[in-house]
Amino acid sequence: MEWVIQGIGSGIVAAGLFRLAWLLAGVWRRIRYRKQQRCFAREAFCRRVQTAKSRHLDRKRTESAVTPAGSGIEVVFVRSGKTCTWDPSMGSLLELAKRNNVHVPVGCRAGKCGRCLTAIKSGAVSYVTSFQNRPASGWCVLCSSIPTGTLILDA
């Protein structure tokens, strides 16, 4: 009878060890999977940052081509009561606003989120990035637009 009990007991121990090994292997696979996912996420983030940087550099190149160097364009921010002069070295209208302490909500700085959407009282802007959904007439996205002439904004 002892042998039967010992056989059953050793079988239970063996099954328990097998289950423990299986559990540890599963945990190890999950850890490796999550580590792999973190690497993928990090690489994707780095690619997005590089893309954003290259777009920013491309934007600066097109801005200088749109408006001749040395010409100053007057931009008026009505709610802030500030009148500023924009030139191509400023970058976008958002950069002009930030340099002159005009409060404008900021999001992605790439023209996708629409947080810097501002009403145009008078004047026109040109966009340095392409949009899937352009703002309606009388509105502009400050982070990716430059003035084409004297401009009055509701900001």
N, C-alpha and C. Protein backbone atom coordinates (compact mmCIF):
# COMPACT_ATOMS: atom_id res chain seq x y z
N MET A 1 0.81 -1.18 0.00
CA MET A 1 0.00 0.00 0.00
C MET A 1 0.87 1.26 0.00
N GLU A 2 2.01 1.20 0.70
CA GLU A 2 2.90 2.37 0.72
C GLU A 2 3.40 2.69 -0.68
N TRP A 3 3.66 1.66 -1.44
CA TRP A 3 4.18 1.89 -2.78
C TRP A 3 3.15 2.59 -3.66
N VAL A 4 1.91 2.25 -3.46
CA VAL A 4 0.84 2.87 -4.24
C VAL A 4 0.74 4.35 -3.87
N ILE A 5 0.79 4.63 -2.58
CA ILE A 5 0.71 6.02 -2.13
C ILE A 5 1.92 6.80 -2.62
N GLN A 6 3.11 6.20 -2.53
CA GLN A 6 4.31 6.88 -3.02
C GLN A 6 4.22 7.11 -4.53
N GLY A 7 3.69 6.16 -5.27
CA GLY A 7 3.53 6.31 -6.73
C GLY A 7 2.57 7.43 -7.06
N ILE A 8 1.45 7.48 -6.31
CA ILE A 8 0.50 8.55 -6.55
C ILE A 8 1.11 9.90 -6.17
N GLY A 9 1.81 9.91 -5.02
CA GLY A 9 2.44 11.15 -4.56
C GLY A 9 3.49 11.65 -5.52
N SER A 10 4.31 10.76 -6.03
CA SER A 10 5.34 11.19 -6.97
C SER A 10 4.73 11.63 -8.28
N GLY A 11 3.60 11.03 -8.67
CA GLY A 11 2.90 11.46 -9.88
C GLY A 11 2.35 12.86 -9.73
N ILE A 12 1.84 13.15 -8.53
CA ILE A 12 1.31 14.48 -8.27
C ILE A 12 2.44 15.51 -8.29
N VAL A 13 3.56 15.15 -7.70
CA VAL A 13 4.72 16.05 -7.68
C VAL A 13 5.22 16.28 -9.10
N ALA A 14 5.29 15.21 -9.89
CA ALA A 14 5.76 15.34 -11.27
C ALA A 14 4.81 16.22 -12.08
N ALA A 15 3.52 16.02 -11.89
CA ALA A 15 2.54 16.85 -12.60
C ALA A 15 2.66 18.30 -12.17
N GLY A 16 2.88 18.52 -10.88
CA GLY A 16 3.05 19.89 -10.38
C GLY A 16 4.28 20.54 -10.95
N LEU A 17 5.39 19.79 -11.02
CA LEU A 17 6.62 20.35 -11.60
C LEU A 17 6.43 20.64 -13.09
N PHE A 18 5.72 19.76 -13.80
CA PHE A 18 5.46 19.99 -15.21
C PHE A 18 4.62 21.25 -15.40
N ARG A 19 3.60 21.42 -14.57
CA ARG A 19 2.76 22.61 -14.66
C ARG A 19 3.54 23.87 -14.32
N LEU A 20 4.42 23.78 -13.32
CA LEU A 20 5.25 24.92 -12.94
C LEU A 20 6.17 25.31 -14.09
N ALA A 21 6.79 24.31 -14.74
CA ALA A 21 7.67 24.58 -15.87
C ALA A 21 6.87 25.21 -17.01
N TRP A 22 5.68 24.71 -17.26
CA TRP A 22 4.82 25.26 -18.31
C TRP A 22 4.44 26.71 -18.01
N LEU A 23 4.13 26.98 -16.75
CA LEU A 23 3.77 28.33 -16.32
C LEU A 23 4.95 29.28 -16.49
N LEU A 24 6.13 28.86 -16.08
CA LEU A 24 7.32 29.71 -16.22
C LEU A 24 7.64 29.97 -17.69
N ALA A 25 7.46 28.95 -18.53
CA ALA A 25 7.71 29.16 -19.96
C ALA A 25 6.71 30.17 -20.52
N GLY A 26 5.46 30.12 -20.08
CA GLY A 26 4.46 31.09 -20.54
C GLY A 26 4.79 32.50 -20.10
N VAL A 27 5.23 32.63 -18.85
CA VAL A 27 5.62 33.95 -18.34
C VAL A 27 6.81 34.48 -19.14
N TRP A 28 7.77 33.61 -19.42
CA TRP A 28 8.95 34.02 -20.18
C TRP A 28 8.55 34.49 -21.58
N ARG A 29 7.62 33.75 -22.22
CA ARG A 29 7.16 34.16 -23.55
C ARG A 29 6.48 35.52 -23.50
N ARG A 30 5.67 35.78 -22.47
CA ARG A 30 5.00 37.08 -22.35
C ARG A 30 6.02 38.20 -22.14
N ILE A 31 7.02 37.94 -21.32
CA ILE A 31 8.05 38.96 -21.08
C ILE A 31 8.78 39.28 -22.38
N ARG A 32 9.16 38.25 -23.14
CA ARG A 32 9.85 38.48 -24.41
C ARG A 32 8.94 39.22 -25.39
N TYR A 33 7.65 38.85 -25.42
CA TYR A 33 6.70 39.50 -26.31
C TYR A 33 6.56 40.98 -25.96
N ARG A 34 6.42 41.28 -24.68
CA ARG A 34 6.27 42.68 -24.27
C ARG A 34 7.53 43.48 -24.55
N LYS A 35 8.69 42.86 -24.35
CA LYS A 35 9.94 43.54 -24.65
C LYS A 35 10.02 43.84 -26.15
N GLN A 36 9.60 42.88 -26.97
CA GLN A 36 9.59 43.07 -28.40
C GLN A 36 8.62 44.20 -28.79
N GLN A 37 7.45 44.23 -28.15
CA GLN A 37 6.47 45.28 -28.43
C GLN A 37 7.01 46.65 -28.04
N ARG A 38 7.73 46.74 -26.91
CA ARG A 38 8.32 48.01 -26.52
C ARG A 38 9.35 48.47 -27.54
N CYS A 39 10.15 47.52 -28.07
CA CYS A 39 11.13 47.88 -29.09
C CYS A 39 10.43 48.40 -30.35
N PHE A 40 9.35 47.71 -30.76
CA PHE A 40 8.60 48.17 -31.93
C PHE A 40 8.04 49.56 -31.70
N ALA A 41 7.49 49.79 -30.52
CA ALA A 41 6.90 51.11 -30.20
C ALA A 41 7.98 52.18 -30.20
N ARG A 42 9.14 51.88 -29.63
CA ARG A 42 10.24 52.84 -29.59
C ARG A 42 10.71 53.17 -31.00
N GLU A 43 10.85 52.14 -31.85
CA GLU A 43 11.28 52.38 -33.23
C GLU A 43 10.26 53.21 -33.99
N ALA A 44 8.97 52.92 -33.78
CA ALA A 44 7.93 53.70 -34.46
C ALA A 44 7.96 55.14 -33.99
N PHE A 45 8.15 55.37 -32.69
CA PHE A 45 8.23 56.73 -32.17
C PHE A 45 9.41 57.47 -32.78
N CYS A 46 10.57 56.79 -32.86
CA CYS A 46 11.75 57.43 -33.44
C CYS A 46 11.51 57.79 -34.90
N ARG A 47 10.82 56.90 -35.64
CA ARG A 47 10.51 57.22 -37.04
C ARG A 47 9.60 58.42 -37.14
N ARG A 48 8.59 58.52 -36.23
CA ARG A 48 7.68 59.67 -36.26
C ARG A 48 8.44 60.96 -35.95
N VAL A 49 9.37 60.90 -35.01
CA VAL A 49 10.15 62.09 -34.67
C VAL A 49 11.00 62.52 -35.86
N GLN A 50 11.65 61.55 -36.52
CA GLN A 50 12.48 61.89 -37.67
C GLN A 50 11.63 62.48 -38.79
N THR A 51 10.44 61.92 -39.01
CA THR A 51 9.54 62.44 -40.04
C THR A 51 9.12 63.86 -39.71
N ALA A 52 8.78 64.11 -38.45
CA ALA A 52 8.38 65.45 -38.05
C ALA A 52 9.53 66.44 -38.23
N LYS A 53 10.75 66.02 -37.88
CA LYS A 53 11.90 66.91 -38.06
C LYS A 53 12.13 67.22 -39.53
N SER A 54 12.02 66.20 -40.39
CA SER A 54 12.25 66.45 -41.81
C SER A 54 11.16 67.36 -42.37
N ARG A 55 9.90 67.18 -41.92
CA ARG A 55 8.82 68.07 -42.37
C ARG A 55 9.09 69.50 -41.93
N HIS A 56 9.59 69.63 -40.70
CA HIS A 56 9.89 70.97 -40.19
C HIS A 56 10.96 71.63 -41.04
N LEU A 57 12.02 70.88 -41.39
CA LEU A 57 13.07 71.45 -42.22
C LEU A 57 12.55 71.77 -43.61
N ASP A 58 11.71 70.88 -44.17
CA ASP A 58 11.12 71.16 -45.48
C ASP A 58 10.25 72.40 -45.43
N ARG A 59 9.52 72.57 -44.33
CA ARG A 59 8.64 73.74 -44.17
C ARG A 59 9.47 75.01 -44.18
N LYS A 60 10.60 75.00 -43.49
CA LYS A 60 11.44 76.20 -43.46
C LYS A 60 11.98 76.52 -44.85
N ARG A 61 12.33 75.47 -45.63
CA ARG A 61 12.83 75.71 -46.98
C ARG A 61 11.75 76.33 -47.86
N THR A 62 10.50 75.83 -47.77
CA THR A 62 9.44 76.38 -48.62
C THR A 62 9.04 77.77 -48.19
N GLU A 63 9.13 78.07 -46.91
CA GLU A 63 8.76 79.41 -46.45
C GLU A 63 9.65 80.46 -47.06
N SER A 64 10.95 80.19 -47.13
CA SER A 64 11.84 81.19 -47.69
C SER A 64 11.61 81.34 -49.19
N ALA A 65 11.09 80.31 -49.84
CA ALA A 65 10.81 80.40 -51.26
C ALA A 65 9.52 81.17 -51.52
N VAL A 66 8.57 81.15 -50.58
CA VAL A 66 7.28 81.80 -50.78
C VAL A 66 7.40 83.31 -50.67
N THR A 67 8.09 83.78 -49.65
CA THR A 67 8.19 85.22 -49.42
C THR A 67 9.65 85.64 -49.56
N PRO A 68 9.93 86.68 -50.32
CA PRO A 68 11.31 87.12 -50.48
C PRO A 68 11.92 87.55 -49.14
N ALA A 69 13.20 87.25 -48.98
CA ALA A 69 13.88 87.60 -47.73
C ALA A 69 13.93 89.11 -47.57
N GLY A 70 13.81 89.56 -46.35
CA GLY A 70 13.89 90.98 -46.05
C GLY A 70 12.55 91.69 -46.09
N SER A 71 11.54 91.05 -46.63
CA SER A 71 10.23 91.70 -46.64
C SER A 71 9.52 91.40 -45.34
N GLY A 72 8.95 92.40 -44.73
CA GLY A 72 8.22 92.22 -43.49
C GLY A 72 6.73 92.32 -43.74
N ILE A 73 5.98 91.37 -43.21
CA ILE A 73 4.53 91.37 -43.37
C ILE A 73 3.92 91.63 -42.00
N GLU A 74 3.00 92.57 -41.97
CA GLU A 74 2.38 92.95 -40.70
C GLU A 74 1.28 91.95 -40.34
N VAL A 75 1.35 91.45 -39.10
CA VAL A 75 0.34 90.53 -38.58
C VAL A 75 -0.21 91.14 -37.30
N VAL A 76 -1.54 91.28 -37.22
CA VAL A 76 -2.19 91.86 -36.06
C VAL A 76 -2.96 90.77 -35.33
N PHE A 77 -2.68 90.64 -34.03
CA PHE A 77 -3.43 89.72 -33.17
C PHE A 77 -4.42 90.57 -32.38
N VAL A 78 -5.71 90.51 -32.74
CA VAL A 78 -6.72 91.42 -32.23
C VAL A 78 -6.92 91.26 -30.72
N ARG A 79 -7.23 90.06 -30.25
CA ARG A 79 -7.53 89.87 -28.82
C ARG A 79 -6.35 90.19 -27.93
N SER A 80 -5.13 89.92 -28.41
CA SER A 80 -3.94 90.23 -27.61
C SER A 80 -3.54 91.68 -27.74
N GLY A 81 -4.02 92.35 -28.78
CA GLY A 81 -3.68 93.75 -28.99
C GLY A 81 -2.24 93.94 -29.43
N LYS A 82 -1.69 92.98 -30.14
CA LYS A 82 -0.30 93.07 -30.57
C LYS A 82 -0.21 93.10 -32.09
N THR A 83 0.69 93.94 -32.57
CA THR A 83 0.99 94.02 -33.99
C THR A 83 2.44 93.60 -34.15
N CYS A 84 2.68 92.61 -35.01
CA CYS A 84 4.02 92.05 -35.19
C CYS A 84 4.38 92.07 -36.66
N THR A 85 5.66 91.96 -36.92
CA THR A 85 6.15 91.87 -38.29
C THR A 85 6.68 90.47 -38.51
N TRP A 86 6.14 89.80 -39.53
CA TRP A 86 6.56 88.43 -39.85
C TRP A 86 7.55 88.47 -41.00
N ASP A 87 8.60 87.68 -40.87
CA ASP A 87 9.51 87.45 -41.99
C ASP A 87 9.82 85.95 -42.04
N PRO A 88 10.38 85.46 -43.13
CA PRO A 88 10.58 84.03 -43.31
C PRO A 88 11.42 83.36 -42.21
N SER A 89 12.28 84.10 -41.55
CA SER A 89 13.09 83.49 -40.49
C SER A 89 12.24 83.13 -39.27
N MET A 90 11.06 83.70 -39.16
CA MET A 90 10.18 83.41 -38.03
C MET A 90 9.63 82.00 -38.09
N GLY A 91 9.43 81.47 -39.28
CA GLY A 91 8.77 80.18 -39.41
C GLY A 91 7.29 80.39 -39.58
N SER A 92 6.50 79.60 -38.88
CA SER A 92 5.04 79.68 -39.03
C SER A 92 4.47 80.83 -38.22
N LEU A 93 3.18 81.07 -38.40
CA LEU A 93 2.50 82.10 -37.62
C LEU A 93 2.48 81.74 -36.13
N LEU A 94 2.47 80.46 -35.83
CA LEU A 94 2.51 80.04 -34.44
C LEU A 94 3.81 80.46 -33.77
N GLU A 95 4.92 80.31 -34.49
CA GLU A 95 6.22 80.74 -33.95
C GLU A 95 6.24 82.25 -33.73
N LEU A 96 5.65 82.99 -34.65
CA LEU A 96 5.56 84.44 -34.49
C LEU A 96 4.75 84.78 -33.24
N ALA A 97 3.63 84.09 -33.06
CA ALA A 97 2.79 84.35 -31.88
C ALA A 97 3.54 84.02 -30.59
N LYS A 98 4.22 82.89 -30.56
CA LYS A 98 4.95 82.50 -29.34
C LYS A 98 6.08 83.47 -29.02
N ARG A 99 6.79 83.94 -30.05
CA ARG A 99 7.90 84.88 -29.83
C ARG A 99 7.41 86.22 -29.30
N ASN A 100 6.15 86.55 -29.60
CA ASN A 100 5.60 87.83 -29.16
C ASN A 100 4.62 87.69 -28.01
N ASN A 101 4.67 86.57 -27.30
CA ASN A 101 3.86 86.31 -26.10
C ASN A 101 2.36 86.42 -26.36
N VAL A 102 1.92 85.91 -27.49
CA VAL A 102 0.50 85.83 -27.80
C VAL A 102 0.06 84.42 -27.42
N HIS A 103 -0.93 84.32 -26.53
CA HIS A 103 -1.37 83.00 -26.08
C HIS A 103 -2.19 82.31 -27.17
N VAL A 104 -1.68 81.17 -27.63
CA VAL A 104 -2.37 80.35 -28.62
C VAL A 104 -2.26 78.90 -28.13
N PRO A 105 -3.38 78.17 -28.07
CA PRO A 105 -3.28 76.76 -27.67
C PRO A 105 -2.48 75.97 -28.71
N VAL A 106 -1.63 75.08 -28.24
CA VAL A 106 -0.73 74.33 -29.13
C VAL A 106 -0.94 72.85 -28.91
N GLY A 107 -0.88 72.08 -30.00
CA GLY A 107 -1.00 70.63 -29.91
C GLY A 107 0.17 69.96 -30.60
N CYS A 108 -0.09 69.49 -31.80
CA CYS A 108 0.89 68.66 -32.50
C CYS A 108 1.96 69.45 -33.23
N ARG A 109 1.74 70.70 -33.53
CA ARG A 109 2.64 71.56 -34.31
C ARG A 109 2.86 71.06 -35.73
N ALA A 110 1.96 70.20 -36.22
CA ALA A 110 2.06 69.70 -37.58
C ALA A 110 0.79 69.93 -38.38
N GLY A 111 -0.19 70.60 -37.79
CA GLY A 111 -1.42 70.92 -38.50
C GLY A 111 -2.45 69.81 -38.49
N LYS A 112 -2.31 68.82 -37.63
CA LYS A 112 -3.24 67.70 -37.64
C LYS A 112 -4.29 67.76 -36.54
N CYS A 113 -3.95 68.35 -35.39
CA CYS A 113 -4.88 68.31 -34.26
C CYS A 113 -5.90 69.44 -34.30
N GLY A 114 -5.56 70.59 -34.87
CA GLY A 114 -6.49 71.70 -34.98
C GLY A 114 -6.62 72.54 -33.73
N ARG A 115 -5.76 72.37 -32.74
CA ARG A 115 -5.85 73.17 -31.52
C ARG A 115 -5.52 74.63 -31.77
N CYS A 116 -4.66 74.91 -32.74
CA CYS A 116 -4.27 76.30 -33.00
C CYS A 116 -5.12 76.93 -34.11
N LEU A 117 -6.29 76.36 -34.36
CA LEU A 117 -7.21 76.92 -35.36
C LEU A 117 -7.65 78.31 -34.91
N THR A 118 -7.49 79.29 -35.79
CA THR A 118 -7.76 80.69 -35.45
C THR A 118 -8.54 81.35 -36.59
N ALA A 119 -9.43 82.23 -36.22
CA ALA A 119 -10.23 82.95 -37.22
C ALA A 119 -9.41 84.06 -37.86
N ILE A 120 -9.59 84.21 -39.16
CA ILE A 120 -8.94 85.28 -39.91
C ILE A 120 -9.94 86.41 -40.06
N LYS A 121 -9.61 87.59 -39.51
CA LYS A 121 -10.49 88.76 -39.66
C LYS A 121 -10.31 89.41 -41.02
N SER A 122 -9.04 89.46 -41.47
CA SER A 122 -8.72 90.07 -42.74
C SER A 122 -7.40 89.52 -43.23
N GLY A 123 -7.26 89.37 -44.54
CA GLY A 123 -6.03 88.88 -45.11
C GLY A 123 -6.14 87.42 -45.53
N ALA A 124 -5.00 86.84 -45.90
CA ALA A 124 -4.97 85.46 -46.35
C ALA A 124 -3.67 84.80 -45.93
N VAL A 125 -3.70 83.47 -45.87
CA VAL A 125 -2.51 82.71 -45.51
C VAL A 125 -2.29 81.64 -46.57
N SER A 126 -1.05 81.14 -46.63
CA SER A 126 -0.77 79.97 -47.46
C SER A 126 -0.22 78.90 -46.52
N TYR A 127 -0.50 77.66 -46.86
CA TYR A 127 -0.09 76.54 -46.00
C TYR A 127 1.19 75.92 -46.53
N VAL A 128 2.06 75.56 -45.61
CA VAL A 128 3.33 74.95 -45.99
C VAL A 128 3.27 73.43 -45.91
N THR A 129 2.18 72.88 -45.41
CA THR A 129 1.98 71.44 -45.40
C THR A 129 0.67 71.13 -46.11
N SER A 130 0.57 69.92 -46.61
CA SER A 130 -0.68 69.53 -47.26
C SER A 130 -1.64 68.97 -46.22
N PHE A 131 -2.93 69.22 -46.42
CA PHE A 131 -3.96 68.79 -45.48
C PHE A 131 -4.93 67.85 -46.17
N GLN A 132 -5.46 66.91 -45.39
CA GLN A 132 -6.56 66.11 -45.89
C GLN A 132 -7.85 66.93 -45.75
N ASN A 133 -8.01 67.59 -44.61
CA ASN A 133 -9.18 68.43 -44.36
C ASN A 133 -8.71 69.85 -44.09
N ARG A 134 -8.76 70.69 -45.10
CA ARG A 134 -8.34 72.09 -44.91
C ARG A 134 -9.36 72.81 -44.06
N PRO A 135 -8.90 73.80 -43.29
CA PRO A 135 -9.85 74.60 -42.52
C PRO A 135 -10.79 75.36 -43.45
N ALA A 136 -11.95 75.67 -42.93
CA ALA A 136 -12.94 76.41 -43.71
C ALA A 136 -12.42 77.81 -44.04
N SER A 137 -13.05 78.42 -44.99
CA SER A 137 -12.68 79.77 -45.38
C SER A 137 -12.85 80.71 -44.18
N GLY A 138 -11.87 81.56 -43.94
CA GLY A 138 -11.93 82.47 -42.80
C GLY A 138 -11.26 81.91 -41.56
N TRP A 139 -10.65 80.74 -41.67
CA TRP A 139 -9.95 80.11 -40.55
C TRP A 139 -8.58 79.66 -41.03
N CYS A 140 -7.64 79.56 -40.09
CA CYS A 140 -6.32 79.04 -40.44
C CYS A 140 -5.75 78.25 -39.27
N VAL A 141 -4.87 77.33 -39.59
CA VAL A 141 -4.13 76.57 -38.60
C VAL A 141 -2.77 77.26 -38.48
N LEU A 142 -2.51 77.90 -37.35
CA LEU A 142 -1.32 78.75 -37.21
C LEU A 142 0.00 77.99 -37.34
N CYS A 143 0.03 76.72 -36.90
CA CYS A 143 1.31 76.01 -36.86
C CYS A 143 1.84 75.64 -38.24
N SER A 144 1.02 75.69 -39.25
CA SER A 144 1.51 75.32 -40.58
C SER A 144 1.10 76.34 -41.64
N SER A 145 0.94 77.58 -41.25
CA SER A 145 0.57 78.61 -42.22
C SER A 145 1.48 79.81 -42.11
N ILE A 146 1.59 80.52 -43.22
CA ILE A 146 2.38 81.76 -43.29
C ILE A 146 1.51 82.80 -43.98
N PRO A 147 1.69 84.07 -43.64
CA PRO A 147 0.87 85.11 -44.24
C PRO A 147 1.31 85.40 -45.68
N THR A 148 0.34 85.75 -46.52
CA THR A 148 0.66 86.14 -47.90
C THR A 148 0.64 87.67 -48.04
N GLY A 149 0.10 88.34 -47.07
CA GLY A 149 0.04 89.81 -47.06
C GLY A 149 -0.33 90.25 -45.66
N THR A 150 -0.72 91.49 -45.51
CA THR A 150 -1.13 91.98 -44.20
C THR A 150 -2.25 91.11 -43.67
N LEU A 151 -2.16 90.73 -42.41
CA LEU A 151 -3.07 89.73 -41.85
C LEU A 151 -3.57 90.18 -40.50
N ILE A 152 -4.88 90.02 -40.26
CA ILE A 152 -5.48 90.33 -38.96
C ILE A 152 -6.12 89.05 -38.45
N LEU A 153 -5.66 88.59 -37.28
CA LEU A 153 -6.12 87.33 -36.70
C LEU A 153 -6.87 87.58 -35.41
N ASP A 154 -7.83 86.74 -35.12
CA ASP A 154 -8.58 86.82 -33.87
C ASP A 154 -7.88 85.95 -32.82
N ALA A 155 -6.77 86.43 -32.33
CA ALA A 155 -6.01 85.69 -31.30
C ALA A 155 -5.41 86.67 -30.31
